[in-house]
Protein backbone atom coordinates (compact mmCIF):
# COMPACT_ATOMS: atom_id res chain seq x y z
CA MET A 1 -0.02 0.00 -0.04
CA ILE A 2 1.27 3.58 -0.84
CA GLU A 3 2.17 5.65 2.30
CA HIS A 4 0.91 9.26 2.73
CA TYR A 5 2.12 11.97 4.88
CA ALA A 6 1.08 15.36 5.85
CA PRO A 7 2.76 17.98 4.21
CA GLY A 8 4.85 20.40 6.32
CA LEU A 9 5.09 17.60 9.19
CA ASN A 10 8.23 16.27 10.62
CA LEU A 11 8.11 12.84 9.19
CA GLU A 12 10.53 11.63 12.15
CA ASN A 13 7.34 11.91 14.48
CA PHE A 14 5.84 9.16 12.67
CA LYS A 15 8.52 6.47 12.55
CA ILE A 16 6.85 4.75 15.35
CA LEU A 17 4.64 3.31 12.68
CA GLN A 18 7.11 0.47 13.20
CA PRO A 19 8.27 0.76 16.96
CA SER A 20 11.75 0.03 17.79
CA ASN A 21 12.54 -3.91 18.81
CA GLU A 22 15.72 -3.33 20.40
CA LYS A 23 14.91 -4.80 23.81
CA THR A 24 13.24 -7.92 22.21
CA SER A 25 16.19 -9.77 21.94
CA GLU A 26 16.79 -9.33 25.82
CA LEU A 27 13.83 -11.23 26.82
CA GLN A 28 13.71 -14.97 27.28
CA PRO A 29 10.97 -16.66 25.66
CA THR A 30 8.16 -17.35 28.02
CA PHE A 31 5.85 -19.79 26.12
CA ASN A 32 4.78 -20.52 22.53
CA LEU A 33 1.15 -19.17 21.66
CA SER A 34 -0.83 -19.80 18.42
CA ILE A 35 -3.42 -17.29 17.46
CA PHE A 36 -6.18 -18.31 15.08
CA THR A 37 -7.98 -15.63 13.11
CA GLN A 38 -9.55 -15.58 9.87
CA PHE A 39 -8.44 -12.09 9.06
CA TYR A 40 -5.23 -10.46 9.20
CA PRO A 41 -3.49 -7.46 7.30
CA PRO A 42 -3.04 -6.93 4.51
CA ASP A 43 -6.79 -7.35 5.03
CA TYR A 44 -8.66 -4.27 6.44
CA ALA A 45 -10.83 -5.98 8.58
CA ALA A 46 -10.62 -4.22 12.16
CA THR A 47 -10.35 -7.58 13.69
CA GLY A 48 -7.24 -8.44 11.82
CA GLN A 49 -5.52 -5.17 12.45
CA LEU A 50 -5.73 -5.40 15.89
CA ILE A 51 -4.57 -9.13 16.21
CA GLU A 52 -1.57 -8.13 14.18
CA GLU A 53 -0.64 -5.08 16.80
CA LEU A 54 -1.30 -7.86 19.64
CA ALA A 55 0.67 -10.30 18.39
CA THR A 56 3.49 -7.87 17.89
CA GLN A 57 3.46 -6.48 21.48
CA LEU A 58 3.15 -10.04 22.97
CA GLY A 59 6.30 -10.77 20.89
CA ARG A 60 7.86 -7.96 22.65
CA LEU A 61 6.87 -9.34 25.97
CA GLY A 62 8.93 -12.57 25.17
CA ILE A 63 6.08 -14.75 23.86
CA HIS A 64 6.72 -16.73 20.61
CA VAL A 65 3.64 -16.15 18.54
CA GLN A 66 2.33 -17.83 15.70
CA VAL A 67 -0.60 -16.51 13.73
CA PHE A 68 -2.51 -18.87 11.71
CA THR A 69 -4.90 -16.83 9.23
CA GLY A 70 -6.10 -16.82 5.55
CA GLN A 71 -5.23 -15.08 2.45
CA PRO A 72 -6.93 -11.55 2.03
CA GLY A 73 -10.54 -12.05 1.75
CA TYR A 74 -11.48 -8.65 0.70
CA ALA A 75 -8.24 -6.38 1.02
CA PHE A 76 -8.26 -3.87 -1.65
CA ARG A 77 -5.53 -3.63 -4.13
CA LYS A 78 -4.01 -6.73 -2.85
CA ASP A 79 -5.06 -10.32 -4.13
CA SER A 80 -2.71 -12.37 -2.02
CA ALA A 81 0.05 -12.23 0.68
CA PRO A 82 3.13 -14.41 1.47
CA ALA A 83 2.17 -18.02 2.60
CA LYS A 84 4.60 -17.62 5.63
CA GLU A 85 6.20 -14.27 7.07
CA ARG A 86 8.24 -13.93 10.30
CA LEU A 87 9.14 -10.65 12.27
CA ASN A 88 11.17 -11.19 15.48
CA ARG A 89 9.11 -13.50 17.68
CA VAL A 90 5.85 -13.54 15.51
CA SER A 91 5.33 -15.83 12.48
CA VAL A 92 2.31 -15.73 10.02
CA GLN A 93 1.19 -18.72 8.18
CA ARG A 94 -1.55 -18.18 5.82
CA SER A 95 -4.01 -20.93 4.46
CA ARG A 96 -5.68 -20.64 1.03
CA THR A 97 -8.86 -18.47 1.22
CA SER A 98 -12.49 -19.10 -0.06
CA ARG A 99 -13.88 -16.04 -1.58
CA LEU A 100 -17.70 -17.12 -2.41
CA CYS A 101 -19.71 -13.85 -2.25
CA PRO A 102 -17.76 -12.42 0.61
CA ALA A 103 -20.35 -9.40 0.79
CA ARG A 104 -23.25 -11.75 1.52
CA ILE A 105 -23.96 -13.33 4.66
CA ARG A 106 -24.22 -16.99 3.21
CA GLY A 107 -20.85 -16.45 1.49
CA LYS A 108 -19.36 -15.29 4.46
CA ALA A 109 -20.70 -18.40 6.52
CA ILE A 110 -19.51 -20.81 3.80
CA ASN A 111 -15.90 -19.04 3.71
CA GLY A 112 -15.73 -19.04 7.26
CA LEU A 113 -16.57 -22.83 7.27
CA PHE A 114 -13.77 -23.66 5.02
CA PHE A 115 -11.19 -21.60 7.21
CA PHE A 116 -12.42 -23.23 10.22
CA LEU A 117 -11.93 -26.98 8.50
CA ARG A 118 -8.30 -25.71 7.49
CA CYS A 119 -7.59 -24.56 10.93
CA VAL A 120 -8.75 -28.30 12.23
CA PHE A 121 -6.07 -29.56 9.93
CA HIS A 122 -3.42 -27.43 11.17
CA VAL A 123 -4.10 -28.28 14.84
CA PHE A 124 -3.85 -32.13 13.94
CA LYS A 125 -0.70 -31.37 11.79
CA ASN A 126 1.24 -29.49 14.47
CA SER A 127 0.00 -31.10 17.55
CA GLY A 128 1.73 -30.63 20.57
CA LYS A 129 3.92 -27.69 19.18
CA LYS A 130 2.09 -24.93 20.88
CA ASP A 131 1.57 -24.10 24.83
CA ILE A 132 -1.63 -22.48 24.38
CA LEU A 133 -4.08 -21.26 21.66
CA LEU A 134 -5.92 -17.83 21.28
CA LEU A 135 -8.87 -18.39 19.22
CA THR A 136 -10.96 -15.41 17.98
CA SER A 137 -14.75 -15.32 17.14
CA ALA A 138 -13.90 -14.59 13.54
CA PRO A 139 -15.27 -16.83 11.99
CA PRO A 140 -17.75 -17.30 15.03
CA PHE A 141 -17.54 -20.71 15.34
CA LEU A 142 -13.57 -20.82 15.40
CA PRO A 143 -13.02 -21.41 19.17
CA ILE A 144 -14.45 -24.96 18.73
CA VAL A 145 -11.06 -25.40 17.16
CA GLY A 146 -9.84 -24.87 20.72
CA TYR A 147 -12.24 -27.52 22.08
CA ILE A 148 -11.05 -30.00 19.71
CA ALA A 149 -7.19 -29.46 20.22
CA GLN A 150 -7.95 -29.45 24.04
CA LEU A 151 -9.89 -32.75 23.45
CA PHE A 152 -7.28 -34.64 21.43
CA PHE A 153 -4.05 -33.14 22.69
CA GLY A 154 -4.66 -31.54 26.24
CA THR A 155 -3.74 -28.21 24.52
CA PRO A 156 -5.13 -25.27 26.70
CA TYR A 157 -6.87 -22.43 24.95
CA ILE A 158 -8.40 -18.92 25.49
CA CYS A 159 -11.61 -17.63 23.58
CA LEU A 160 -11.34 -13.99 22.36
CA LEU A 161 -14.95 -13.02 21.63
CA TYR A 162 -15.31 -10.08 19.41
CA ASP A 163 -19.06 -10.69 18.89
CA LEU A 164 -21.64 -13.04 20.36
CA TYR A 165 -23.31 -15.34 18.13
CA PRO A 166 -25.95 -16.90 17.39
CA ASP A 167 -27.17 -13.79 19.34
CA VAL A 168 -26.09 -11.45 16.47
CA ALA A 169 -28.19 -13.40 14.01
CA VAL A 170 -31.19 -13.50 16.42
CA GLU A 171 -31.26 -9.80 17.13
CA LEU A 172 -30.91 -9.14 13.27
CA ASN A 173 -34.08 -11.27 12.74
CA LEU A 174 -32.06 -13.66 10.54
CA VAL A 175 -33.13 -16.53 12.46
CA SER A 176 -35.60 -17.24 15.27
CA SER A 177 -34.45 -17.71 18.80
CA THR A 178 -36.17 -21.05 18.75
CA ASN A 179 -34.71 -22.26 15.70
CA TRP A 180 -33.05 -25.59 16.24
CA LEU A 181 -29.55 -24.30 14.91
CA VAL A 182 -29.82 -21.59 17.53
CA LYS A 183 -30.22 -23.87 20.18
CA ALA A 184 -27.55 -26.22 19.08
CA TRP A 185 -25.19 -23.24 18.60
CA ASP A 186 -25.78 -22.41 21.86
CA ARG A 187 -25.02 -25.65 23.28
CA ILE A 188 -21.92 -25.92 21.76
CA ASN A 189 -20.98 -22.43 22.85
CA LYS A 190 -21.36 -23.40 26.49
CA GLN A 191 -19.43 -26.85 26.21
CA VAL A 192 -16.65 -24.92 24.27
CA TRP A 193 -16.38 -22.18 26.98
CA LYS A 194 -16.76 -24.41 30.01
CA LYS A 195 -13.48 -26.25 28.36
CA ALA A 196 -11.70 -23.04 28.13
CA ASP A 197 -9.12 -21.88 30.04
CA GLY A 198 -10.27 -18.50 29.68
CA LEU A 199 -12.65 -16.09 27.85
CA ILE A 200 -11.78 -12.41 26.84
CA VAL A 201 -14.58 -10.20 26.26
CA LEU A 202 -14.39 -6.37 25.15
CA SER A 203 -17.04 -4.86 27.62
CA SER A 204 -18.83 -5.24 30.73
CA THR A 205 -22.03 -5.69 28.91
CA MET A 206 -20.74 -8.45 26.91
CA LYS A 207 -19.48 -10.27 29.99
CA GLU A 208 -23.16 -9.90 31.32
CA ARG A 209 -24.47 -11.76 28.29
CA VAL A 210 -21.92 -14.39 28.53
CA GLN A 211 -22.79 -14.91 32.22
CA THR A 212 -26.47 -15.24 31.52
CA LYS A 213 -25.88 -17.81 29.20
CA CYS A 214 -23.61 -19.87 31.07
CA PRO A 215 -23.08 -18.81 34.67
CA GLU A 216 -20.65 -21.76 35.15
CA VAL A 217 -17.79 -19.81 33.33
CA SER A 218 -18.06 -16.51 35.18
CA ASP A 219 -14.54 -16.89 37.14
CA LYS A 220 -13.00 -17.54 33.78
CA ILE A 221 -14.25 -14.12 32.03
CA SER A 222 -11.78 -11.33 31.52
CA ILE A 223 -12.86 -7.97 30.22
CA ILE A 224 -10.04 -6.60 28.14
CA HIS A 225 -11.03 -3.73 25.98
CA ASN A 226 -9.59 -3.06 22.25
CA TRP A 227 -6.90 -0.30 22.09
CA ALA A 228 -5.06 2.52 19.65
CA ASN A 229 -1.60 3.46 19.33
CA PRO A 230 -1.53 7.11 20.67
CA ASN A 231 2.15 7.48 19.37
CA TRP A 232 0.78 6.59 15.77
CA ILE A 233 -2.56 8.28 15.59
CA VAL A 234 -2.01 11.88 17.11
CA PRO A 235 -3.90 15.14 16.94
CA ILE A 236 -3.38 17.05 13.70
CA ALA A 237 -4.69 20.34 13.07
CA LYS A 238 -7.20 20.25 10.05
CA GLN A 239 -5.24 23.16 8.45
CA LYS A 240 -2.38 21.03 8.38
CA ASN A 241 -3.77 17.62 7.45
CA TRP A 242 -3.40 16.51 3.99
CA PHE A 243 -6.46 14.58 4.22
CA ALA A 244 -8.78 17.43 5.37
CA LEU A 245 -7.26 19.71 2.81
CA LYS A 246 -7.68 17.07 -0.19
CA TYR A 247 -11.57 16.64 0.64
CA ASP A 248 -12.34 20.34 1.67
CA LEU A 249 -13.11 19.58 5.25
CA VAL A 250 -11.38 22.47 6.95
CA LYS A 251 -13.77 25.20 6.91
CA LYS A 252 -16.92 23.53 8.01
CA PHE A 253 -17.52 21.68 11.22
CA ILE A 254 -17.04 18.07 10.51
CA VAL A 255 -18.98 15.11 11.96
CA LEU A 256 -17.20 11.82 11.02
CA TYR A 257 -18.33 8.23 11.00
CA SER A 258 -15.44 6.09 10.30
CA GLY A 259 -15.62 2.34 9.98
CA ASN A 260 -18.17 -0.32 9.10
CA MET A 261 -21.63 0.78 8.55
CA GLY A 262 -22.91 -2.83 9.21
CA ARG A 263 -26.14 -4.37 10.37
CA CYS A 264 -25.33 -3.87 14.06
CA HIS A 265 -24.54 -0.07 13.70
CA GLU A 266 -27.31 2.50 14.00
CA MET A 267 -27.32 4.93 11.05
CA ASP A 268 -30.88 6.15 10.94
CA THR A 269 -30.43 8.53 14.05
CA ILE A 270 -27.24 9.96 12.05
CA LEU A 271 -29.04 10.44 8.76
CA GLU A 272 -31.94 12.30 10.64
CA ALA A 273 -29.23 14.68 12.34
CA ALA A 274 -27.89 15.22 9.23
CA PHE A 275 -31.30 16.09 7.78
CA GLN A 276 -31.96 18.63 10.71
CA LEU A 277 -28.56 20.17 9.85
CA GLN A 278 -28.50 20.55 6.27
CA ASN A 279 -28.69 24.25 6.32
CA GLU A 280 -25.80 25.03 8.82
CA GLN A 281 -22.22 25.07 8.25
CA ILE A 282 -21.73 21.46 9.37
CA GLN A 283 -21.12 18.36 7.15
CA PHE A 284 -21.22 14.67 7.69
CA VAL A 285 -18.54 12.48 6.25
CA PHE A 286 -18.78 8.68 6.34
CA ILE A 287 -15.59 6.62 5.66
CA GLY A 288 -16.02 2.80 5.24
CA GLY A 289 -18.29 0.34 3.84
CA GLY A 290 -20.80 -2.49 5.21
CA ALA A 291 -24.17 -3.76 4.58
CA LYS A 292 -25.92 -0.26 5.11
CA ARG A 293 -23.38 1.74 3.35
CA GLN A 294 -25.64 1.69 0.24
CA ILE A 295 -28.77 2.10 1.87
CA CYS A 296 -27.30 5.25 3.51
CA ILE A 297 -26.32 6.67 0.23
CA GLU A 298 -29.65 5.95 -1.35
CA GLN A 299 -31.48 7.60 1.76
CA VAL A 300 -29.41 10.72 1.38
CA LYS A 301 -30.26 11.02 -2.31
CA LYS A 302 -33.89 10.71 -1.53
CA LEU A 303 -33.83 13.58 1.24
CA GLY A 304 -31.74 15.74 -1.20
CA LEU A 305 -28.97 16.22 1.33
CA THR A 306 -25.77 17.89 0.33
CA ASN A 307 -24.02 18.24 3.51
CA CYS A 308 -23.12 14.12 3.58
CA GLN A 309 -20.00 12.91 2.02
CA PHE A 310 -19.05 9.00 1.37
CA LEU A 311 -15.61 7.98 1.14
CA PRO A 312 -14.22 4.20 0.97
CA TYR A 313 -12.21 2.25 3.36
CA GLN A 314 -8.80 4.11 3.78
CA ASP A 315 -5.32 2.60 3.65
CA LYS A 316 -4.31 1.83 7.29
CA GLN A 317 -1.37 4.27 6.63
CA ASP A 318 -4.05 7.15 6.23
CA LEU A 319 -5.88 6.57 9.49
CA PRO A 320 -3.85 8.96 11.57
CA TYR A 321 -5.03 11.48 8.88
CA SER A 322 -8.70 10.67 8.30
CA LEU A 323 -9.46 10.18 11.87
CA THR A 324 -8.07 13.88 12.53
CA ALA A 325 -9.71 15.41 9.71
CA CYS A 326 -13.12 16.05 11.74
CA ASP A 327 -14.09 17.93 14.96
CA LEU A 328 -16.54 15.14 16.21
CA SER A 329 -16.61 11.52 15.62
CA LEU A 330 -19.28 9.15 16.05
CA VAL A 331 -19.81 5.55 17.41
CA SER A 332 -23.21 3.90 17.39
CA ILE A 333 -24.72 0.36 18.21
CA SER A 334 -27.84 -0.70 17.04
CA SER A 335 -30.98 -1.22 19.47
CA GLY A 336 -30.71 -4.76 20.93
CA MET A 337 -26.88 -5.29 19.98
CA GLU A 338 -25.62 -3.96 23.46
CA GLY A 339 -23.36 -6.62 25.05
CA ILE A 340 -23.42 -8.68 21.47
CA VAL A 341 -20.73 -6.30 19.82
CA ALA A 342 -18.36 -3.64 20.74
CA PRO A 343 -17.23 -0.84 18.38
CA SER A 344 -13.41 -0.99 18.07
CA LYS A 345 -13.33 2.49 16.18
CA LEU A 346 -13.84 4.16 19.52
CA TYR A 347 -10.21 3.90 20.38
CA GLY A 348 -8.89 5.19 17.33
CA ILE A 349 -11.38 8.39 17.83
CA LEU A 350 -9.76 8.74 21.26
CA ALA A 351 -6.18 8.51 20.18
CA ALA A 352 -7.10 11.37 17.54
CA GLY A 353 -8.07 13.83 20.20
CA ARG A 354 -11.74 14.25 19.10
CA PRO A 355 -14.98 14.31 21.17
CA VAL A 356 -17.23 11.27 20.78
CA ALA A 357 -20.88 11.20 20.26
CA ALA A 358 -22.21 7.61 21.05
CA ILE A 359 -25.38 6.38 20.08
CA CYS A 360 -26.72 3.53 22.06
CA GLU A 361 -28.77 1.99 24.57
CA SER A 362 -29.12 3.11 28.32
CA ASN A 363 -27.29 0.35 29.50
CA SER A 364 -24.43 0.64 27.42
CA TYR A 365 -20.76 0.53 28.76
CA LEU A 366 -20.04 3.42 26.43
CA ARG A 367 -22.19 5.71 28.55
CA SER A 368 -19.81 5.20 31.65
CA LEU A 369 -16.89 5.14 29.59
CA LEU A 370 -17.39 8.44 28.02
CA SER A 371 -18.82 9.65 31.32
CA GLU A 372 -15.43 8.84 33.18
CA ALA A 373 -13.11 10.06 30.56
CA ASN A 374 -15.21 13.33 29.93
CA CYS A 375 -14.62 13.16 26.34
CA GLY A 376 -18.05 13.20 24.74
CA ALA A 377 -21.78 12.43 25.39
CA ALA A 378 -24.21 9.31 24.68
CA PHE A 379 -27.73 9.37 22.93
CA SER A 380 -30.42 6.83 22.95
CA ASN A 381 -31.33 4.87 19.39
CA GLY A 382 -33.54 7.66 17.66
CA ASP A 383 -32.74 10.73 19.76
CA ALA A 384 -31.58 12.68 16.66
CA ASP A 385 -32.91 15.66 18.54
CA GLY A 386 -30.31 15.19 21.48
CA LEU A 387 -27.53 14.51 18.77
CA VAL A 388 -28.44 17.73 16.87
CA MET A 389 -28.41 19.97 19.98
CA PHE A 390 -24.77 18.31 21.01
CA ILE A 391 -23.58 18.99 17.53
CA ARG A 392 -24.63 22.51 17.53
CA ARG A 393 -23.28 22.98 20.94
CA LEU A 394 -19.64 21.93 19.92
CA ALA A 395 -19.90 23.92 16.64
CA ASN A 396 -20.43 26.88 18.65
CA ASP A 397 -17.96 26.26 21.45
CA ARG A 398 -14.78 24.85 19.67
CA TYR A 399 -12.89 25.36 22.84
CA LEU A 400 -15.29 22.93 24.40
CA ALA A 401 -14.71 20.34 21.67
CA GLU A 402 -11.16 20.68 22.10
CA GLN A 403 -11.31 20.10 25.81
CA MET A 404 -13.27 17.05 25.35
CA GLY A 405 -10.88 15.66 22.76
CA ASP A 406 -7.92 16.16 24.94
CA ALA A 407 -9.77 14.26 27.79
CA GLY A 408 -10.45 11.39 25.67
CA ARG A 409 -6.93 11.07 24.38
CA ARG A 410 -5.26 11.28 27.88
CA TYR A 411 -7.75 8.55 29.10
CA LEU A 412 -6.71 6.25 26.18
CA GLN A 413 -3.16 7.00 27.10
CA SER A 414 -3.72 5.71 30.70
CA ASN A 415 -6.23 3.07 29.94
CA PHE A 416 -6.08 1.57 26.25
CA THR A 417 -2.63 1.84 24.65
CA PRO A 418 -0.98 -1.53 22.93
CA GLU A 419 1.27 -1.83 25.76
CA ILE A 420 -1.19 -1.90 28.40
CA ILE A 421 -3.63 -4.19 26.65
CA ALA A 422 -0.86 -6.59 25.78
CA LYS A 423 0.32 -7.10 29.33
CA GLN A 424 -3.42 -7.80 30.29
CA TYR A 425 -3.49 -10.39 27.64
CA SER A 426 -0.08 -11.68 28.56
CA LYS A 427 -1.32 -12.36 32.31
CA VAL A 428 -4.45 -14.01 30.96
CA LEU A 429 -2.37 -16.45 28.83
CA SER A 430 0.42 -16.88 31.28
CA THR A 431 -1.84 -18.02 34.10
CA ALA A 432 -3.57 -20.49 31.84
CA VAL A 433 -0.17 -21.83 30.78
CA GLU A 434 1.03 -22.12 34.58
CA LEU A 435 -2.24 -23.85 35.29
CA GLN A 436 -1.64 -26.54 32.66
CA LYS A 437 2.06 -27.11 33.72
CA SER A 438 0.77 -27.42 37.33
CA LYS A 439 -1.83 -29.86 36.31
CA ALA A 440 0.71 -32.05 34.26
CA GLU A 441 3.08 -32.03 37.21
CA ALA A 442 0.46 -33.49 39.68
CA LYS A 443 -0.52 -36.11 36.92
CA SER A 444 3.26 -37.27 36.85
CA LYS A 445 3.75 -37.20 40.59
CA LEU A 446 0.65 -39.57 40.75
CA ARG A 447 2.07 -42.08 38.24
C-alpha cells in the first residue's frame, strides 16, 4: 500500500509506525502461543488489524507467537500475501481462502466454514507444538478448534469473543431464537466455554451476556478492551492535515463516521441529524463500507442532502489523517446489540483527540466510559434531536470540543494503549499456561 504523509509535518514523528524492537532480543521466551484468526493484514478488517498489533506486542513481552490466518479475503488492491512471514517473535502462516460472495451473509458463512476446517487440519498437523491457543470469534465458530485441540491433545485455549453468536443473527431477525440451529449453537458454545482456560470479552455488558448464558464460566471471564496507539494516531490540526485539505473539510464543522456501516450499527439517527442540520455549516463524512452503506447513500439522495459525503475504506497508513480530519466523531450500536458487539472504532477516535458522540442503549458500557473520560456524550437510539443539540453546542464552542478531545486522548493513554492491553492479555495467557503445567506435574507425581 502507498504511504501518505501530511505536508509540512516532521516525518520523524511518525517513525513509530514501526516501533523499535531493540529490547526484544533481551527477553527470554516464556511460552509458545498460536493465534487463530480468519482476518489479518493486508486485510483491512478491524479484527485482523488488532490481532497484528496484539501479536507484535506479545512478541515484545517475550512470547513466541504464531498466527494462523487466511489469505486476504477482501483487502483492496491486494490479491494475496506471503504464505509464510516472520518478524522477530511473530510468525504468520496463511492458508488458502475461499472467496465465495464475501459481501453476503451466506458467502461469509461458507468462507468461514472452509477456514475453520483448515484450522482443524492445522491443529492435527502441528499437535503438541504450542503451549496455548488463542482463538478469535472470526469466524464465529472458530473457538470450536480450541475445544478439539484440548480434547485430542490436552492443549489449553483462550477464547477471544469479538461478537456473540448466534445472538447477532437472532437480534438481526435472520433466524428465530427458537430455531434448532440457534439452540444447538448455544449448547456448543457452552461446552466450548466450559472447557476453555479463559474467555476474553470486550465490555462489561458482553460479560453480563455470557454470564447469563453460562453462569458456570463467570470466574473465567476477563474484560479486556480494544486499543489504539497514541504514538501513531496523534492530533493534527485540520489546516495542516493533507486528508482534510484534499476533501475540503477544513472550513466547516465536520462530523465523522469512520468504519463499518453494518447491520449492527445505528445509522438512521445519524441521517436524521444530518437532515435537521442540512442548512448549517456542518458536514457529515462517512468513511468505510458495510451492508448499510448503500442504503445510507440512497437515503441521502432521497432526502436531497448536500451535507453528506461518502468515502471508501482508507489504507491503514492514512488513518492518522482521516481520523483527525474532523471536529466530532460518531460511534453507534443498533438497538438490541448491546453486549453482543463492541465498536473498535472508539479507541482510534480517542487517540485522535476528538470528542465522541455515541448512539447506544441506556445500559451501554459506552455511557460510563464517556462519562469517566469526560470526552463526549451518549444518546439513545432514535434521539436525533439530542444529537443535533450536542453537535450545535460543539460547533459553537470549539474550545469545549478541544477540551473533550484532549480528555479522551489522556484517558486512552492511561487505559487503552497497546502496551497496557498486551500486558493484560499476557497475564491471562500466562496464568492458563502455568495452570496447565501444574496439572501436568500433579499427574506425573501420581504416576
